[in-house]
Protein backbone atom coordinates (compact mmCIF):
# COMPACT_ATOMS: atom_id res chain seq x y z
CA UNK A 1 10.19 6.39 -23.37
CA UNK A 2 7.07 7.97 -21.92
CA UNK A 3 5.17 6.16 -19.22
CA UNK A 4 2.15 5.74 -21.48
CA UNK A 5 -0.34 5.44 -18.62
CA UNK A 6 -3.17 6.46 -20.96
CA UNK A 7 -3.03 3.01 -22.54
CA UNK A 8 -5.01 1.54 -19.65
CA UNK A 9 -8.45 3.02 -18.90
CA UNK A 10 -8.29 1.80 -15.29
CA UNK A 11 -5.76 4.54 -14.59
CA UNK A 12 -8.00 7.17 -16.13
CA UNK A 13 -10.75 6.48 -13.60
CA UNK A 14 -8.48 6.90 -10.59
CA UNK A 15 -9.51 9.81 -8.33
CA UNK A 16 -7.26 12.86 -8.44
CA UNK A 17 -5.97 12.33 -4.90
CA UNK A 18 -4.41 9.03 -5.99
CA UNK A 19 -3.00 10.41 -9.21
CA UNK A 20 -0.86 12.80 -7.15
CA UNK A 21 1.35 9.84 -6.17
CA UNK A 22 1.99 8.72 -9.76
CA UNK A 23 5.32 9.63 -11.32
CA UNK A 24 6.52 8.98 -14.88
CA UNK A 25 8.78 6.03 -15.49
CA UNK A 26 11.75 7.61 -17.28
CA UNK A 27 13.07 4.43 -18.83
CA UNK A 28 16.29 6.06 -20.06
CA UNK A 29 17.34 6.56 -16.43
CA UNK A 30 17.88 2.81 -16.00
CA UNK A 31 21.62 2.31 -16.39
CA UNK A 32 23.35 -0.72 -17.92
CA UNK A 33 24.22 -1.85 -14.37
CA UNK A 34 20.54 -1.53 -13.39
CA UNK A 35 19.63 -3.75 -16.35
CA UNK A 36 22.30 -6.29 -15.35
CA UNK A 37 20.96 -6.36 -11.77
CA UNK A 38 17.43 -7.01 -13.07
CA UNK A 39 18.68 -9.76 -15.38
CA UNK A 40 20.74 -11.51 -12.69
CA UNK A 41 17.88 -11.49 -10.17
CA UNK A 42 15.31 -12.63 -12.71
CA UNK A 43 17.47 -15.43 -14.13
CA UNK A 44 18.18 -16.68 -10.63
CA UNK A 45 14.58 -16.29 -9.49
CA UNK A 46 12.97 -17.95 -12.47
CA UNK A 47 15.42 -20.85 -12.26
CA UNK A 48 14.81 -21.35 -8.54
CA UNK A 49 11.24 -20.16 -8.11
CA UNK A 50 9.91 -22.39 -10.87
CA UNK A 51 10.51 -25.20 -8.35
CA UNK A 52 9.27 -23.57 -5.13
CA UNK A 53 6.81 -20.79 -6.06
CA UNK A 54 3.08 -21.13 -6.51
CA UNK A 55 2.19 -22.42 -9.96
CA UNK A 56 0.80 -19.01 -10.92
CA UNK A 57 4.23 -17.37 -10.73
CA UNK A 58 5.92 -18.59 -13.91
CA UNK A 59 2.71 -18.39 -15.97
CA UNK A 60 2.07 -14.93 -14.55
CA UNK A 61 5.42 -13.56 -15.70
CA UNK A 62 4.35 -13.97 -19.31
CA UNK A 63 0.77 -12.89 -18.71
CA UNK A 64 1.85 -9.63 -17.06
CA UNK A 65 4.61 -8.66 -19.46
CA UNK A 66 7.55 -9.33 -17.13
CA UNK A 67 10.63 -10.48 -19.03
CA UNK A 68 14.00 -11.73 -17.84
CA UNK A 69 16.33 -9.75 -20.08
CA UNK A 70 15.17 -6.16 -19.46
CA UNK A 71 13.48 -4.04 -16.83
CA UNK A 72 9.82 -3.87 -17.84
CA UNK A 73 8.35 -0.62 -19.17
CA UNK A 74 5.09 0.58 -17.68
CA UNK A 75 3.82 1.13 -21.21
CA UNK A 76 4.21 -2.52 -22.10
CA UNK A 77 2.93 -3.76 -18.76
CA UNK A 78 -0.25 -1.71 -19.01
CA UNK A 79 -1.06 -2.99 -22.47
CA UNK A 80 -0.81 -6.56 -21.19
CA UNK A 81 -2.31 -6.03 -17.72
CA UNK A 82 -5.41 -4.55 -19.32
CA UNK A 83 -6.28 -8.00 -20.62
CA UNK A 84 -6.55 -9.34 -17.05
CA UNK A 85 -8.38 -6.29 -15.69
CA UNK A 86 -5.46 -4.57 -13.99
CA UNK A 87 -3.12 -1.63 -14.49
CA UNK A 88 0.23 -0.48 -13.09
CA UNK A 89 1.53 2.93 -12.07
CA UNK A 90 4.98 4.12 -11.01
CA UNK A 91 5.50 5.86 -7.65
CA UNK A 92 8.44 7.15 -5.62
CA UNK A 93 9.22 4.57 -2.92
CA UNK A 94 6.77 3.95 -0.09
CA UNK A 95 3.45 5.79 -0.27
CA UNK A 96 0.98 6.07 2.66
CA UNK A 97 -0.70 2.72 3.45
CA UNK A 98 -4.26 3.98 2.85
CA UNK A 99 -3.30 5.24 -0.61
CA UNK A 100 -1.41 2.03 -1.44
CA UNK A 101 -4.47 -0.05 -0.60
CA UNK A 102 -6.88 2.28 -2.38
CA UNK A 103 -4.90 1.80 -5.59
CA UNK A 104 -5.45 -1.96 -5.16
CA UNK A 105 -9.18 -1.37 -4.72
CA UNK A 106 -9.15 0.16 -8.21
CA UNK A 107 -7.26 -2.87 -9.61
CA UNK A 108 -4.11 -0.79 -9.99
CA UNK A 109 -0.73 -2.18 -9.01
CA UNK A 110 1.65 0.33 -7.44
CA UNK A 111 5.25 -0.07 -8.63
CA UNK A 112 8.21 1.79 -7.20
CA UNK A 113 10.13 2.33 -10.42
CA UNK A 114 13.58 2.73 -8.87
CA UNK A 115 15.75 -0.39 -8.79
CA UNK A 116 18.06 -1.63 -6.06
CA UNK A 117 21.77 -1.03 -6.27
CA UNK A 118 24.16 -3.85 -7.14
CA UNK A 119 25.39 -3.79 -3.53
CA UNK A 120 21.86 -4.66 -2.37
CA UNK A 121 21.06 -7.16 -5.09
CA UNK A 122 19.75 -9.82 -2.68
CA UNK A 123 17.39 -7.65 -0.69
CA UNK A 124 16.48 -4.02 -0.17
CA UNK A 125 14.08 -2.60 2.44
CA UNK A 126 13.06 0.00 -0.13
CA UNK A 127 10.32 -0.94 -2.59
CA UNK A 128 11.75 -1.25 -6.09
CA UNK A 129 10.73 -2.47 -9.52
CA UNK A 130 12.15 -5.93 -8.84
CA UNK A 131 9.98 -6.29 -5.74
CA UNK A 132 6.86 -4.71 -7.22
CA UNK A 133 7.14 -5.84 -10.83
CA UNK A 134 8.68 -9.29 -10.51
CA UNK A 135 7.11 -9.97 -7.11
CA UNK A 136 3.57 -8.62 -7.12
CA UNK A 137 2.65 -8.56 -10.79
CA UNK A 138 2.95 -12.25 -11.77
CA UNK A 139 0.65 -13.55 -9.04
CA UNK A 140 -2.23 -11.22 -9.95
CA UNK A 141 -2.59 -13.25 -13.15
CA UNK A 142 -4.32 -15.78 -10.84
CA UNK A 143 -7.97 -14.57 -10.80
CA UNK A 144 -8.69 -15.79 -7.25
CA UNK A 145 -5.63 -14.07 -5.84
CA UNK A 146 -6.29 -10.91 -7.88
CA UNK A 147 -9.76 -10.67 -6.36
CA UNK A 148 -8.27 -11.10 -2.88
CA UNK A 149 -5.85 -8.27 -3.59
CA UNK A 150 -8.61 -5.99 -4.88
CA UNK A 151 -10.87 -6.79 -1.94
CA UNK A 152 -7.99 -6.27 0.48
CA UNK A 153 -7.46 -2.81 -0.96
CA UNK A 154 -11.15 -2.02 -0.78
CA UNK A 155 -11.30 -2.91 2.92
CA UNK A 156 -7.80 -1.78 3.85
CA UNK A 157 -8.17 1.77 2.56
CA UNK A 158 -11.08 2.22 5.00
CA UNK A 159 -9.01 1.13 8.02
CA UNK A 160 -8.60 3.85 10.62
CA UNK A 161 -5.06 4.83 11.53
CA UNK A 162 -3.81 6.08 14.87
CA UNK A 163 -1.87 9.29 15.25
CA UNK A 164 1.32 7.14 15.49
CA UNK A 165 0.88 5.34 12.17
CA UNK A 166 1.82 8.17 9.85
CA UNK A 167 4.94 8.97 11.88
CA UNK A 168 5.97 5.31 11.57
CA UNK A 169 5.32 5.35 7.82
CA UNK A 170 7.56 8.41 7.40
CA UNK A 171 10.28 6.84 9.57
CA UNK A 172 10.22 3.56 7.61
CA UNK A 173 10.27 5.45 4.32
CA UNK A 174 13.34 7.42 5.42
CA UNK A 175 15.13 4.30 6.70
CA UNK A 176 14.51 2.41 3.46
CA UNK A 177 15.87 5.33 1.42
CA UNK A 178 18.99 5.71 3.57
CA UNK A 179 19.77 1.98 3.52
CA UNK A 180 19.40 1.76 -0.24
CA UNK A 181 21.42 4.90 -0.99
CA UNK A 182 25.15 4.71 -1.64
CA UNK A 183 27.64 5.69 1.07
CA UNK A 184 25.07 6.66 3.70
CA UNK A 185 27.01 7.27 6.93
CA UNK A 186 26.49 4.45 9.43
CA UNK A 187 25.45 7.00 12.07
CA UNK A 188 22.54 8.19 9.89
CA UNK A 189 21.31 4.64 9.35
CA UNK A 190 21.61 3.86 13.06
CA UNK A 191 19.65 7.00 13.96
CA UNK A 192 16.93 6.11 11.44
CA UNK A 193 16.79 2.52 12.72
CA UNK A 194 16.48 3.79 16.29
CA UNK A 195 13.63 6.08 15.30
CA UNK A 196 11.74 3.21 13.67
CA UNK A 197 12.42 0.93 16.64
CA UNK A 198 11.32 3.59 19.15
CA UNK A 199 8.09 4.19 17.27
CA UNK A 200 7.36 0.48 16.94
CA UNK A 201 7.95 -0.04 20.67
CA UNK A 202 5.58 2.79 21.59
CA UNK A 203 2.63 2.26 19.27
CA UNK A 204 0.21 1.53 22.11
CA UNK A 205 -2.87 -0.42 21.11
CA UNK A 206 -2.53 -1.33 17.45
CA UNK A 207 -4.84 0.63 15.18
CA UNK A 208 -6.98 -0.96 12.48
CA UNK A 209 -4.45 0.19 9.89
CA UNK A 210 -1.52 -1.30 11.82
CA UNK A 211 -3.34 -4.62 12.19
CA UNK A 212 -4.49 -4.90 8.58
CA UNK A 213 -1.00 -3.84 7.46
CA UNK A 214 0.27 -6.85 9.40
CA UNK A 215 -2.16 -9.09 7.49
CA UNK A 216 -0.93 -7.55 4.24
CA UNK A 217 2.68 -8.25 5.19
CA UNK A 218 2.12 -11.89 6.16
CA UNK A 219 0.11 -12.63 2.99
CA UNK A 220 0.73 -10.32 0.05
CA UNK A 221 4.37 -9.67 0.95
CA UNK A 222 5.58 -12.75 2.83
CA UNK A 223 2.96 -15.43 2.33
CA UNK A 224 3.41 -19.16 1.85
CA UNK A 225 0.72 -21.44 0.47
CA UNK A 226 -0.02 -25.17 0.50
CA UNK A 227 0.61 -27.96 3.02
CA UNK A 228 2.45 -27.00 6.21
CA UNK A 229 5.24 -29.49 5.57
CA UNK A 230 5.88 -28.41 1.97
CA UNK A 231 4.52 -24.93 1.26
CA UNK A 232 5.18 -22.84 -1.82
CA UNK A 233 5.92 -19.13 -2.11
CA UNK A 234 3.43 -16.50 -3.28
CA UNK A 235 4.39 -13.38 -1.26
CA UNK A 236 6.08 -10.67 -3.33
CA UNK A 237 8.76 -9.96 -0.73
CA UNK A 238 9.92 -13.55 -0.97
CA UNK A 239 9.51 -13.81 -4.74
CA UNK A 240 11.77 -10.79 -5.23
CA UNK A 241 14.49 -11.70 -2.71
CA UNK A 242 17.02 -14.19 -4.05
CA UNK A 243 18.34 -14.71 -0.52
CA UNK A 244 15.19 -14.96 1.55
CA UNK A 245 13.27 -17.01 -1.02
CA UNK A 246 15.55 -19.97 -0.31
CA UNK A 247 16.10 -19.37 3.39
CA UNK A 248 12.38 -19.02 4.12
CA UNK A 249 11.69 -22.67 3.25
CA UNK A 250 14.28 -24.02 5.67
CA UNK A 251 13.47 -25.31 9.14
CA UNK A 252 15.09 -22.19 10.62
CA UNK A 253 11.94 -20.24 9.77
CA UNK A 254 8.91 -21.15 11.88
CA UNK A 255 5.81 -21.97 9.82
CA UNK A 256 2.41 -21.02 11.33
CA UNK A 257 -1.07 -21.79 9.96
CA UNK A 258 -2.49 -18.50 8.70
CA UNK A 259 -5.33 -17.05 10.77
CA UNK A 260 -6.62 -13.70 11.99
CA UNK A 261 -4.04 -13.88 14.78
CA UNK A 262 -1.47 -12.73 12.21
CA UNK A 263 -3.03 -9.26 12.53
CA UNK A 264 -1.28 -8.88 15.89
CA UNK A 265 2.14 -10.11 14.72
CA UNK A 266 4.34 -7.13 13.91
CA UNK A 267 7.30 -7.26 11.52
CA UNK A 268 10.69 -5.68 10.93
CA UNK A 269 11.33 -4.67 7.30
CA UNK A 270 15.09 -4.52 7.83
CA UNK A 271 15.60 -8.18 8.80
CA UNK A 272 14.70 -11.65 7.49
CA UNK A 273 11.44 -12.83 9.02
CA UNK A 274 11.78 -15.40 11.81
CA UNK A 275 8.31 -16.81 11.18
CA UNK A 276 5.97 -17.04 8.22
CA UNK A 277 2.29 -17.90 7.82
CA UNK A 278 1.02 -20.65 5.54
CA UNK A 279 -2.44 -20.51 3.98
CA UNK A 280 -3.89 -23.74 2.57
CA UNK A 281 -5.23 -21.89 -0.49
CA UNK A 282 -6.14 -18.42 -1.73
CA UNK A 283 -9.79 -18.85 -0.68
CA UNK A 284 -8.66 -19.07 2.95
CA UNK A 285 -7.02 -15.63 2.62
CA UNK A 286 -10.37 -14.12 1.71
CA UNK A 287 -12.10 -15.83 4.64
CA UNK A 288 -9.62 -14.35 7.12
CA UNK A 289 -9.89 -10.94 5.49
CA UNK A 290 -13.68 -10.92 5.86
CA UNK A 291 -13.32 -12.09 9.46
CA UNK A 292 -11.04 -9.14 10.13
CA UNK A 293 -13.37 -6.73 8.31
CA UNK A 294 -16.19 -7.81 10.63
CA UNK A 295 -14.15 -6.44 13.54
CA UNK A 296 -13.50 -3.05 11.90
CA UNK A 297 -15.41 0.13 12.68
CA UNK A 298 -16.33 0.05 8.99
CA UNK A 299 -18.86 -2.64 9.93
CA UNK A 300 -19.36 -2.15 13.67
CA UNK A 301 -19.66 1.64 13.90
CA UNK A 302 -20.88 2.69 17.34
CA UNK A 303 -19.10 4.66 20.02
CA UNK A 304 -15.85 2.78 19.49
CA UNK A 305 -15.85 3.74 15.82
CA UNK A 306 -16.13 7.47 16.34
CA UNK A 307 -13.56 7.33 19.17
CA UNK A 308 -11.12 5.71 16.74
CA UNK A 309 -11.70 8.56 14.30
CA UNK A 310 -11.08 11.15 17.01
CA UNK A 311 -7.87 9.39 18.04
CA UNK A 312 -6.66 9.23 14.43
CA UNK A 313 -6.55 13.03 14.14
CA UNK A 314 -7.23 12.64 10.44
CA UNK A 315 -10.20 12.78 8.13
CA UNK A 316 -12.83 10.12 8.49
CA UNK A 317 -16.49 9.38 7.94
CA UNK A 318 -19.36 8.10 10.03
CA UNK A 319 -22.54 6.71 8.54
CA UNK A 320 -25.81 6.80 10.46
CA UNK A 321 -28.56 4.21 10.26
CA UNK A 322 -30.49 6.28 7.68
CA UNK A 323 -27.48 6.22 5.37
CA UNK A 324 -26.43 9.84 5.79
CA UNK A 325 -22.65 10.15 5.91
CA UNK A 326 -20.68 12.87 7.70
CA UNK A 327 -17.03 13.37 6.67
CA UNK A 328 -14.48 15.55 8.42
CA UNK A 329 -12.11 15.73 11.37
CA UNK A 330 -14.01 14.34 14.34
CA UNK A 331 -13.21 16.21 17.54
CA UNK A 332 -15.79 15.15 20.13
CA UNK A 333 -18.41 12.59 21.00
CA UNK A 334 -20.84 12.75 23.90
CA UNK A 335 -21.89 9.37 25.23
CA UNK A 336 -24.70 8.09 27.40
CA UNK A 337 -24.93 4.58 28.78
CA UNK A 338 -22.18 3.42 26.43
CA UNK A 339 -23.77 4.87 23.31
CA UNK A 340 -22.91 8.01 21.34
CA UNK A 341 -25.61 10.66 21.64
CA UNK A 342 -23.86 13.59 19.95
CA UNK A 343 -20.84 13.96 17.66
CA UNK A 344 -18.89 16.99 16.55
CA UNK A 345 -16.41 17.70 13.75
CA UNK A 346 -14.09 20.66 13.42
CA UNK A 347 -13.19 22.51 10.25
CA UNK A 348 -14.37 21.58 6.78
CA UNK A 349 -17.11 18.93 6.79
CA UNK A 350 -19.28 17.42 4.07
CA UNK A 351 -22.52 15.45 4.16
CA UNK A 352 -23.23 12.64 1.71
CA UNK A 353 -25.56 9.76 0.94
CA UNK A 354 -24.26 6.63 -0.74
CA UNK A 355 -20.86 8.26 -1.34
CA UNK A 356 -22.41 11.24 -3.16
CA UNK A 357 -22.27 14.67 -1.56
CA UNK A 358 -25.66 16.11 -0.66
CA UNK A 359 -26.43 19.20 -2.71
CA UNK A 360 -25.66 22.30 -0.67
CA UNK A 361 -23.83 20.44 2.08
CA UNK A 362 -20.21 20.60 1.00
CA UNK A 363 -17.17 21.98 2.76
CA UNK A 364 -17.91 25.59 1.83
CA UNK A 365 -21.25 25.43 3.62
CA UNK A 366 -19.98 23.41 6.59
CA UNK A 367 -16.62 25.18 6.78
CA UNK A 368 -16.49 25.39 10.57
CA UNK A 369 -17.61 21.93 11.55
CA UNK A 370 -20.79 19.99 12.07
CA UNK A 371 -22.52 18.48 15.09
CA UNK A 372 -25.66 16.42 15.53
CA UNK A 373 -27.50 14.31 18.10
CA UNK A 374 -27.96 10.58 17.53
CA UNK A 375 -30.53 8.22 18.94
CA UNK A 376 -34.14 8.10 20.01
CA UNK A 377 -36.39 10.79 21.36
CA UNK A 378 -36.72 10.83 25.12
CA UNK A 379 -39.87 9.43 26.64
CA UNK A 380 -41.35 7.96 23.47
CA UNK A 381 -38.54 5.51 22.77
CA UNK A 382 -38.89 6.20 19.05
CA UNK A 383 -36.32 7.33 16.55
CA UNK A 384 -37.29 9.97 14.01
CA UNK A 385 -36.31 7.69 11.15
CA UNK A 386 -38.86 5.11 12.35
CA UNK A 387 -41.76 7.56 12.48
CA UNK A 388 -44.63 7.30 10.07
CA UNK A 389 -45.99 10.48 8.43
CA UNK A 390 -48.72 10.49 11.10
CA UNK A 391 -46.11 10.24 13.87
CA UNK A 392 -44.11 13.09 12.42
CA UNK A 393 -47.20 15.31 12.30
CA UNK A 394 -48.17 14.34 15.83
CA UNK A 395 -44.76 15.39 17.20
CA UNK A 396 -44.72 18.63 15.15
CA UNK A 397 -41.77 17.45 13.06
CA UNK A 398 -43.11 19.35 10.13
CA UNK A 399 -42.02 22.29 8.00
CA UNK A 400 -42.88 25.65 9.56
CA UNK A 401 -43.39 24.25 13.06
CA UNK A 402 -41.47 25.40 16.12
CA UNK A 403 -40.46 22.29 17.99
CA UNK A 404 -38.30 21.08 20.86
CA UNK A 405 -36.85 17.63 20.34
CA UNK A 406 -35.55 15.95 23.49
CA UNK A 407 -33.16 13.07 22.82
CA UNK A 408 -32.08 10.37 25.23
CA UNK A 409 -29.03 11.56 27.14
CA UNK A 410 -30.34 15.12 27.62
CA UNK A 411 -29.64 16.56 24.19
CA UNK A 412 -32.33 19.06 23.15
CA UNK A 413 -32.86 20.76 19.79
CA UNK A 414 -35.23 23.73 19.79
CA UNK A 415 -36.08 25.76 16.70
CA UNK A 416 -38.27 26.28 13.66
CA UNK A 417 -38.14 23.54 11.06
CA UNK A 418 -37.36 24.90 7.60
CA UNK A 419 -37.13 21.75 5.53
CA UNK A 420 -36.02 18.14 5.49
CA UNK A 421 -34.25 15.74 3.14
CA UNK A 422 -35.16 12.09 2.62
CA UNK A 423 -33.24 9.03 1.44
CA UNK A 424 -34.31 6.63 -1.31
CA UNK A 425 -36.48 4.73 1.18
CA UNK A 426 -38.37 7.88 2.11
CA UNK A 427 -36.73 8.17 5.54
CA UNK A 428 -35.80 11.63 6.76
CA UNK A 429 -32.02 11.94 6.85
CA UNK A 430 -31.56 15.66 7.48
CA UNK A 431 -33.66 18.38 9.13
CA UNK A 432 -32.78 22.08 8.89
CA UNK A 433 -33.79 24.62 11.55
CA UNK A 434 -33.68 28.38 11.97
CA UNK A 435 -33.59 30.23 15.29
CA UNK A 436 -32.23 27.02 16.73
CA UNK A 437 -30.58 26.23 20.06
CA UNK A 438 -28.94 22.89 20.78
CA UNK A 439 -28.06 22.00 24.38
CA UNK A 440 -26.44 19.19 26.28
CA UNK A 441 -27.68 19.60 29.83
CA UNK A 442 -26.45 23.18 30.65
CA UNK A 443 -23.96 23.39 27.77
CA UNK A 444 -24.93 25.22 24.59
CA UNK A 445 -23.78 23.32 21.52
CA UNK A 446 -25.40 25.57 18.90
CA UNK A 447 -27.08 28.96 19.16
CA UNK A 448 -29.37 30.94 16.81
CA UNK A 449 -26.74 33.59 15.97
CA UNK A 450 -24.67 30.95 14.16
CA UNK A 451 -27.27 30.62 11.39
CA UNK A 452 -29.10 27.57 10.04
CA UNK A 453 -28.72 24.37 12.05
CA UNK A 454 -28.67 21.14 10.08
CA UNK A 455 -29.39 18.00 12.08
CA UNK A 456 -28.44 14.59 10.73
CA UNK A 457 -31.06 11.96 11.46
CA UNK A 458 -30.14 8.50 12.66
CA UNK A 459 -30.62 6.35 15.73
CA UNK A 460 -27.10 4.91 15.65
CA UNK A 461 -23.71 5.01 13.96
CA UNK A 462 -23.53 1.95 11.74
CA UNK A 463 -20.12 2.58 10.22
CA UNK A 464 -16.95 4.60 10.76
CA UNK A 465 -14.03 4.59 8.36
CA UNK A 466 -10.98 6.49 7.18
CA UNK A 467 -11.29 9.08 4.45
CA UNK A 468 -14.27 10.95 2.99
CA UNK A 469 -17.51 9.41 1.76
CA UNK A 470 -17.27 11.38 -1.49
CA UNK A 471 -13.64 11.95 -2.52
CA UNK A 472 -14.74 14.95 -4.57
CA UNK A 473 -15.85 16.79 -1.44
CA UNK A 474 -12.32 17.64 -0.27
CA UNK A 475 -9.09 18.94 -1.74
CA UNK A 476 -6.89 15.93 -1.04
CA UNK A 477 -3.88 16.98 -3.12
CA UNK A 478 -1.72 17.30 -0.05
CA UNK A 479 0.94 14.61 -0.25
CA UNK A 480 4.41 16.03 0.29
CA UNK A 481 6.76 13.23 1.41
CA UNK A 482 9.32 14.18 4.03
CA UNK A 483 12.04 12.29 2.12
CA UNK A 484 12.90 11.64 -1.51
CA UNK A 485 14.62 8.59 -2.96
CA UNK A 486 18.33 9.14 -3.60
CA UNK A 487 19.75 8.48 -7.05
CA UNK A 488 23.09 6.70 -7.48
CA UNK A 489 26.15 8.91 -7.67
CA UNK A 490 27.91 9.71 -10.92
CA UNK A 491 31.68 9.64 -11.34
CA UNK A 492 34.17 9.08 -14.13
CA UNK A 493 34.90 5.57 -12.84
CA UNK A 494 31.20 4.77 -12.55
CA UNK A 495 30.48 6.02 -16.05
CA UNK A 496 33.30 3.92 -17.44
CA UNK A 497 31.93 0.83 -15.68
CA UNK A 498 28.45 1.58 -16.99
CA UNK A 499 29.83 1.75 -20.52
CA UNK A 500 31.53 -1.61 -20.08
CA UNK A 501 28.22 -3.14 -18.96
CA UNK A 502 26.52 -1.56 -21.98
CA UNK A 503 29.14 -3.03 -24.33
CA UNK A 504 28.49 -6.53 -22.97
CA UNK A 505 24.74 -5.99 -23.20
CA UNK A 506 24.98 -4.78 -26.79
CA UNK A 507 27.05 -7.82 -27.76
CA UNK A 508 24.58 -10.22 -26.17
CA UNK A 509 21.55 -8.56 -27.75
CA UNK A 510 22.89 -7.27 -31.07
CA UNK A 511 26.23 -8.95 -31.70
CA UNK A 512 27.99 -5.56 -31.94
CA UNK A 513 31.04 -5.77 -34.20
CA UNK A 514 33.50 -3.80 -32.01
CA UNK A 515 33.46 -6.46 -29.31
CA UNK A 516 36.91 -7.03 -27.81
CA UNK A 517 36.46 -9.27 -24.75
CA UNK A 518 40.19 -9.47 -23.94
CA UNK A 519 40.56 -5.71 -23.78
CA UNK A 520 37.31 -5.30 -21.87
CA UNK A 521 38.32 -7.86 -19.28
CA UNK A 522 41.70 -6.17 -18.79
CA UNK A 523 39.92 -2.88 -17.98
CA UNK A 524 37.59 -4.63 -15.54
CA UNK A 525 40.42 -6.46 -13.82
CA UNK A 526 42.72 -3.44 -13.57
CA UNK A 527 40.30 -0.58 -12.89
CA UNK A 528 37.24 -2.28 -11.34
CA UNK A 529 38.74 -5.26 -9.54
CA UNK A 530 35.93 -5.66 -6.96
CA UNK A 531 33.08 -5.71 -9.48
CA UNK A 532 31.78 -9.26 -9.92
CA UNK A 533 28.61 -9.11 -12.00
CA UNK A 534 30.24 -7.90 -15.21
CA UNK A 535 32.81 -10.70 -15.05
CA UNK A 536 29.92 -13.16 -14.69
CA UNK A 537 28.25 -11.69 -17.78
CA UNK A 538 31.54 -12.00 -19.66
CA UNK A 539 31.89 -15.61 -18.56
CA UNK A 540 28.36 -16.36 -19.76
CA UNK A 541 29.07 -15.02 -23.25
CA UNK A 542 32.46 -16.70 -23.54
CA UNK A 543 31.02 -20.02 -22.38
CA UNK A 544 29.00 -19.94 -25.61
CA UNK A 545 32.15 -19.28 -27.68
CA UNK A 546 34.48 -22.32 -27.91
CA UNK A 547 37.28 -20.18 -29.43
CA UNK A 548 37.86 -18.26 -26.21
CA UNK A 549 38.32 -20.96 -23.59
CA UNK A 550 41.61 -19.46 -22.36
CA UNK A 551 40.02 -16.08 -21.62
CA UNK A 552 37.09 -17.83 -19.95
CA UNK A 553 39.50 -19.62 -17.61
CA UNK A 554 41.18 -16.29 -16.78
CA UNK A 555 37.82 -14.75 -15.94
CA UNK A 556 36.86 -17.70 -13.74
CA UNK A 557 40.19 -17.39 -11.94
CA UNK A 558 39.52 -13.67 -11.43
CA UNK A 559 36.11 -14.46 -9.96
CA UNK A 560 37.76 -16.83 -7.52
CA UNK A 561 39.99 -13.94 -6.48
CA UNK A 562 37.00 -11.65 -6.00
CA UNK A 563 35.37 -14.32 -3.82
CA UNK A 564 38.46 -14.39 -1.60
CA UNK A 565 38.59 -10.60 -1.34
CA UNK A 566 34.81 -10.17 -0.92
CA UNK A 567 33.45 -13.26 0.85
CA UNK A 568 30.07 -11.51 1.25
CA UNK A 569 29.44 -11.89 -2.51
CA UNK A 570 30.92 -15.38 -2.91
CA UNK A 571 27.51 -17.07 -2.88
CA UNK A 572 26.21 -14.58 -5.48
CA UNK A 573 29.10 -15.45 -7.77
CA UNK A 574 28.50 -19.15 -7.19
CA UNK A 575 24.83 -18.75 -7.98
CA UNK A 576 25.69 -16.97 -11.21
CA UNK A 577 28.18 -19.65 -12.21
CA UNK A 578 25.58 -22.34 -11.49
CA UNK A 579 23.26 -20.65 -13.97
CA UNK A 580 25.98 -20.51 -16.63
CA UNK A 581 27.18 -24.09 -16.23
CA UNK A 582 23.83 -25.58 -15.24
CA UNK A 583 23.85 -28.14 -18.02
CA UNK A 584 27.28 -29.41 -17.10
CA UNK A 585 26.36 -29.61 -13.42
CA UNK A 586 23.24 -31.56 -14.28
């Protein structure tokens, strides 16, 4: 089955740099055991979560095309999600946080299309289709929550990372892959855990991305909602974990009223969470998000904003008060009395206005960086953007004039004005000079031999954020993950077990005529004695057949044996039996 992404126009409008993360969902790769894992988790979750999850969960399953019996296809999900203004795409495991959030800003749900192994049926640190599909998708059917998710993505993708954040992302991605893979040596897992722990312990001051990622974790992933003494679940991590969804509501887990303070509470993806945050309603989530956004360089700009971009060592954008936007790798800022008076980028840089690249000011033209003074002119306490046409003429800021502009902080620009560009309000946003020299005290910042000097106009930096202003300005097809998800191993024994699972599935769905439960059970018992889920599925079918009560009793006795031999799965077997005999228990 092809992924069929074209069925949802929201995916078509994604920028190319996001499409690089999308992979096809090859539905045929889901094995019969994968399907049984999905079915077990979903039957258990729907039975339990209908009592403890937010009301939107059960309704949302139907509205988003998530069924109990089979792993959902992206094709079907996208046809249904389109009706509520969303789409879904498949990706390979964890993707970088900025990209993950930018997908959300476009109303696109990111779904890791791999599925956890049977051995990790309760919880996996790796993102999988159970977590993404059965956890995230149903709640977005609630319009208020969906808008929170979209807005979170819109703000979150602008958060500035530190140079440590990407290393932590790669380390967490590797750890999640190793822990989910079969037969990973314990030493490899321990080394990966140590790397994650070392990075988390040495993050320094948390970046904007680290802090907003914390907010995402404590709401979208692990959020509770309602009264403090009786909250309900809405976080996808809890909705998709059959173990933690019940444990999280016990008194062993500390419940804290949700506030902006959650931004400074880190988390460990490999362990159950010792505390969770409770929001009174979805509207409160949006209030906290806007409170956090007000603290971001996106809205505060200034010296601190450009310093964050320099520290990030990655592409970012500053916007000046006239609206001109400069995107690139920021390498330097000169300050005076706590304010930036000159900034510098290195390498490819682009200029834009309102997220559209200025004609002639792309990365080919500004291939070696860009620098410009900021602020008011010295002595007259007036910014160029505030000058009237008469002021501009009086100070020789006019085409064809040779002029020396002295800015506060001892930045001088001397040269012949060629031309200028204005914004929609008529304010000058860019002035181009020839034969130009730019100095900071005795240091030469630009000299005539370098060609035309373009000076951005603005008295202050009003915004600083991650990524380019115009995504079309840069080639951003650069994502090469350091690790790939590991597929389950194939063997003759595994293939035989898969075929047994398929036989049971065919009988349940189609009533296949060659069904021989006695023979099938003998093979399971003799050749796959530690497998428990297939025996549960057999018990479920035989419970509906009054002619096979003897075989059913044999299977139940076998399951008791498995529980004795594998106490770690005893509660999973009990949970499955509860679902089968629920009416009798009631």
